[in-house]
Structure formats: structure tokens, C-alpha cells
Protein backbone atom coordinates (compact mmCIF):
# COMPACT_ATOMS: atom_id res chain seq x y z
CA UNK A 1 -25.05 5.56 -1.41
CA UNK A 2 -21.78 4.47 -2.53
CA UNK A 3 -20.81 7.90 -2.79
CA UNK A 4 -21.04 8.06 1.11
CA UNK A 5 -20.07 4.51 1.42
CA UNK A 6 -15.85 5.44 -0.22
CA UNK A 7 -15.92 8.70 1.50
CA UNK A 8 -17.33 7.22 5.12
CA UNK A 9 -15.00 4.16 4.41
CA UNK A 10 -11.37 6.13 3.67
CA UNK A 11 -12.03 8.78 6.10
CA UNK A 12 -12.18 6.20 8.62
CA UNK A 13 -8.87 4.36 6.53
CA UNK A 14 -7.38 7.90 7.16
CA UNK A 15 -8.43 8.65 10.46
CA UNK A 16 -6.67 5.57 11.95
CA UNK A 17 -4.16 4.22 9.80
CA UNK A 18 -0.50 5.68 11.31
CA UNK A 19 3.16 4.72 8.71
CA UNK A 20 1.42 5.62 5.58
CA UNK A 21 0.46 4.12 2.74
CA UNK A 22 2.62 0.66 3.28
CA UNK A 23 0.47 1.24 7.25
CA UNK A 24 -3.14 1.68 5.30
CA UNK A 25 -2.57 -1.46 2.69
CA UNK A 26 -3.68 -3.64 5.43
CA UNK A 27 -7.04 -1.24 6.31
CA UNK A 28 -7.99 -0.75 2.53
CA UNK A 29 -7.64 -4.83 1.81
CA UNK A 30 -9.91 -5.66 4.28
CA UNK A 31 -12.31 -2.00 3.44
CA UNK A 32 -12.24 -3.20 -0.21
CA UNK A 33 -12.68 -6.92 0.56
CA UNK A 34 -16.01 -6.84 3.09
CA UNK A 35 -17.70 -4.21 1.55
CA UNK A 36 -16.74 -6.35 -2.24
CA UNK A 37 -16.09 -3.15 -4.28
CA UNK A 38 -12.51 -5.29 -5.53
CA UNK A 39 -11.52 -9.11 -6.27
CA UNK A 40 -8.24 -9.90 -4.13
CA UNK A 41 -6.80 -10.37 -7.39
CA UNK A 42 -7.74 -6.37 -8.38
CA UNK A 43 -6.83 -5.50 -5.21
CA UNK A 44 -3.08 -6.97 -6.15
CA UNK A 45 -2.94 -5.22 -9.45
CA UNK A 46 -4.53 -1.85 -8.38
CA UNK A 47 -1.59 -1.79 -5.68
CA UNK A 48 0.55 -2.60 -8.20
CA UNK A 49 -0.67 0.37 -10.43
CA UNK A 50 -0.36 2.49 -7.72
CA UNK A 51 3.12 1.59 -7.06
CA UNK A 52 3.51 2.56 -10.72
CA UNK A 53 2.07 5.90 -10.36
CA UNK A 54 3.39 9.34 -9.28
CA UNK A 55 1.71 10.26 -6.08
CA UNK A 56 1.48 8.95 -1.96
CA UNK A 57 -0.01 4.54 -2.19
CA UNK A 58 -2.91 5.48 -0.17
CA UNK A 59 -4.10 8.27 -2.47
CA UNK A 60 -3.84 6.67 -5.08
CA UNK A 61 -5.68 3.23 -3.51
CA UNK A 62 -8.42 5.56 -2.88
CA UNK A 63 -8.66 7.24 -6.07
CA UNK A 64 -8.01 4.35 -8.31
CA UNK A 65 -10.73 2.26 -6.39
CA UNK A 66 -13.21 5.47 -5.71
CA UNK A 67 -12.50 5.43 -9.38
CA UNK A 68 -13.49 1.52 -10.27
CA UNK A 69 -17.38 1.83 -8.26
CA UNK A 70 -17.57 5.54 -8.66
CA UNK A 71 -16.43 7.11 -11.30
CA UNK A 72 -15.33 10.61 -11.34
CA UNK A 73 -17.33 11.96 -8.40
CA UNK A 74 -16.67 8.14 -6.47
CA UNK A 75 -12.13 9.26 -7.40
CA UNK A 76 -13.32 12.10 -5.70
CA UNK A 77 -14.78 11.34 -2.60
CA UNK A 78 -12.48 8.35 -1.62
CA UNK A 79 -9.05 9.87 -2.09
CA UNK A 80 -10.70 13.75 0.01
CA UNK A 81 -11.66 10.87 2.65
CA UNK A 82 -8.31 9.86 2.99
CA UNK A 83 -6.48 13.11 3.22
CA UNK A 84 -8.64 14.78 5.03
CA UNK A 85 -7.43 13.36 8.16
CA UNK A 86 -3.85 14.43 7.73
CA UNK A 87 -4.12 17.23 5.77
CA UNK A 88 -6.65 18.71 9.50
CA UNK A 89 -4.01 16.86 11.77
CA UNK A 90 -0.80 18.61 10.32
CA UNK A 91 -2.79 22.10 10.59
CA UNK A 92 -4.26 21.92 14.42
CA UNK A 93 -0.01 20.18 14.63
CA UNK A 94 0.97 23.38 12.95
CA UNK A 95 -1.68 25.83 14.66
CA UNK A 96 -0.72 24.67 18.13
CA UNK A 97 1.48 22.67 18.88
CA UNK A 98 4.52 24.84 17.64
CA UNK A 99 7.61 22.26 19.10
CA UNK A 100 5.45 18.86 19.16
CA UNK A 101 8.78 16.79 19.73
CA UNK A 102 9.07 18.09 23.16
CA UNK A 103 6.64 16.71 25.16
CA UNK A 104 7.77 13.57 26.46
CA UNK A 105 4.22 11.95 25.70
CA UNK A 106 4.06 12.34 21.96
CA UNK A 107 8.15 10.76 21.55
CA UNK A 108 6.70 8.17 24.35
CA UNK A 109 3.24 7.77 22.21
CA UNK A 110 4.96 7.69 18.55
CA UNK A 111 7.30 5.10 20.43
CA UNK A 112 4.74 2.72 20.41
CA UNK A 113 3.12 3.14 17.12
CA UNK A 114 6.15 2.03 15.17
CA UNK A 115 6.05 -1.58 16.10
CA UNK A 116 2.58 -1.61 15.45
CA UNK A 117 2.83 0.28 11.83
CA UNK A 118 5.77 -2.53 11.33
CA UNK A 119 3.41 -4.65 12.29
CA UNK A 120 0.57 -4.32 9.52
CA UNK A 121 3.61 -3.58 7.04
CA UNK A 122 4.69 -7.16 7.59
CA UNK A 123 1.56 -8.45 7.70
CA UNK A 124 0.39 -7.47 4.43
CA UNK A 125 3.45 -8.40 2.80
CA UNK A 126 3.27 -11.79 4.15
CA UNK A 127 -0.93 -12.54 3.15
CA UNK A 128 0.46 -10.78 -0.01
CA UNK A 129 3.47 -12.61 -1.02
CA UNK A 130 1.87 -15.93 -0.18
CA UNK A 131 -1.34 -15.07 -2.86
CA UNK A 132 1.49 -13.62 -5.08
CA UNK A 133 4.26 -16.42 -5.50
CA UNK A 134 2.29 -19.70 -3.96
CA UNK A 135 -1.58 -18.71 -4.44
CA UNK A 136 -2.89 -19.33 -0.98
CA UNK A 137 -5.17 -16.38 -0.16
CA UNK A 138 -7.34 -18.74 2.36
CA UNK A 139 -5.37 -22.07 5.26
CA UNK A 140 -7.24 -24.35 3.15
CA UNK A 141 -5.66 -23.26 -0.91
CA UNK A 142 -3.52 -25.17 -2.15
CA UNK A 143 0.19 -24.85 -2.60
CA UNK A 144 0.84 -23.46 -6.46
CA UNK A 145 3.95 -22.16 -6.64
CA UNK A 146 4.13 -19.54 -9.68
CA UNK A 147 7.67 -19.90 -10.57
CA UNK A 148 7.96 -16.88 -13.32
CA UNK A 149 6.74 -14.30 -10.19
CA UNK A 150 9.13 -16.51 -7.31
CA UNK A 151 12.30 -16.15 -10.29
CA UNK A 152 11.33 -11.92 -10.91
CA UNK A 153 11.28 -11.52 -7.01
CA UNK A 154 14.57 -13.10 -6.63
CA UNK A 155 16.59 -11.67 -9.79
CA UNK A 156 15.45 -7.98 -8.29
CA UNK A 157 16.15 -8.88 -4.84
CA UNK A 158 19.85 -10.59 -5.58
CA UNK A 159 19.88 -7.09 -8.41
CA UNK A 160 19.46 -4.66 -5.40
CA UNK A 161 21.91 -6.35 -2.73
CA UNK A 162 25.19 -6.19 -5.23
CA UNK A 163 23.93 -2.19 -6.18
CA UNK A 164 23.82 -1.55 -2.26
CA UNK A 165 27.06 -3.09 -1.71
CA UNK A 166 29.24 -2.00 -5.09
CA UNK A 167 26.95 1.32 -4.57
CA UNK A 168 26.14 1.50 -1.85
CA UNK A 169 22.96 2.85 -2.92
CA UNK A 170 20.17 0.92 -3.21
CA UNK A 171 18.36 1.26 -7.51
CA UNK A 172 16.69 4.04 -8.75
CA UNK A 173 12.43 2.43 -8.39
CA UNK A 174 11.48 3.72 -11.53
CA UNK A 175 13.88 0.69 -12.85
CA UNK A 176 13.08 -1.67 -10.64
CA UNK A 177 9.25 -1.28 -12.10
CA UNK A 178 11.03 -1.19 -15.79
CA UNK A 179 12.38 -3.82 -15.06
CA UNK A 180 10.37 -6.26 -13.72
CA UNK A 181 7.92 -5.29 -16.09
CA UNK A 182 9.72 -6.40 -18.75
CA UNK A 183 10.83 -9.62 -16.76
CA UNK A 184 7.34 -10.30 -16.22
CA UNK A 185 6.99 -9.99 -20.28
CA UNK A 186 9.67 -11.75 -21.01
CA UNK A 187 8.59 -14.36 -19.05
CA UNK A 188 4.57 -14.40 -19.97
CA UNK A 189 5.93 -15.10 -23.96
CA UNK A 190 7.85 -17.81 -23.47
């Protein structure tokens, strides 16, 4: 039964999500928490690991959640579910509509979807930020700032701004992850 639930849940996420992996995070979060597949803390850890491993975020999340709930078969079915809608859609677009962007209706549709994707990403960032930095999962939770996490965030933000000003490009995400891991270890040891 879990295999069908994983496949259908991630098929739905893949079918209704626009904007890539970041746009899917809020749907994945809602799905895994509603089904009690992960706790909020486990979900946050899965997001961090998915960000740190090669490949698309949504595919990594589906694979990790599927593996945690149903082993190798669960990982395969959840991953298949999340990629199948995009795969079919791309096949249809290539087969049927060669110059899709020339149609005004397509431009209007995509223009209308972009604010929705931005809102989903922003809402996810705010919800995750409140939990990660201040320990607030629900409105009734007490304000409990995590100073080490706030320091790491601020240090990486300053580094990013300074790197953009000095070199006119953002620092490598790989180095950002390595430095954040190092800072996290250093803070934990202090």
C-alpha cells in the first residue's frame, strides 16, 4: 500500500508543480507531514541533504522520502512519480508544438504562473526560516533563537554580497555548503 501512496503522492506533486524543485518544496512538505512520513525536523534534514547531493532537488527529495518509507522500491516509485508528469509533458510539447512560445495564450499562462511560483518559494522560505532560526513551527510556539544558525546564515550572506561586489559573481554553491558545514561543526564544538 505504501508503494502506491508514494507513487501517487509524488505523481500529484510532479503534475501540479511549476518552477522546479524549489516550487515543489512546499507541496512535498505538506504531503510528507500530512502522511506522517517524516517529522518537520526530518523533513528539514532531507531538504539539506537533497540540496547537497547532485541532481534536481525534487527528484532527490522524492528518492530520499521514498527510500525512508519503502526502501529501494519506494525510492524508485516516488522518483518515477515526480518525474513522469514533466517527462510526458516535454514529450507532448516536442511532438505537438514546435514553437510553443509563439502563442500568446502560452505567454499569458506562464506569466500568470510565475507569481504563484514565487509565492510558494517565499512561503516555504519563511516557514523553514522561522523553524530553523527561531524554533517556531506553529503560531503558539515560543520564540527560541538559534544563534549559531543565525550566525552561519549571516556569515554566508555577507560572503555572498562581498563576492558579488568584488568578483561580480556569486560564490560557488559547493564552497558555500563546505563553509557552512565547517562553521556548523565549529559552532557545535565550541
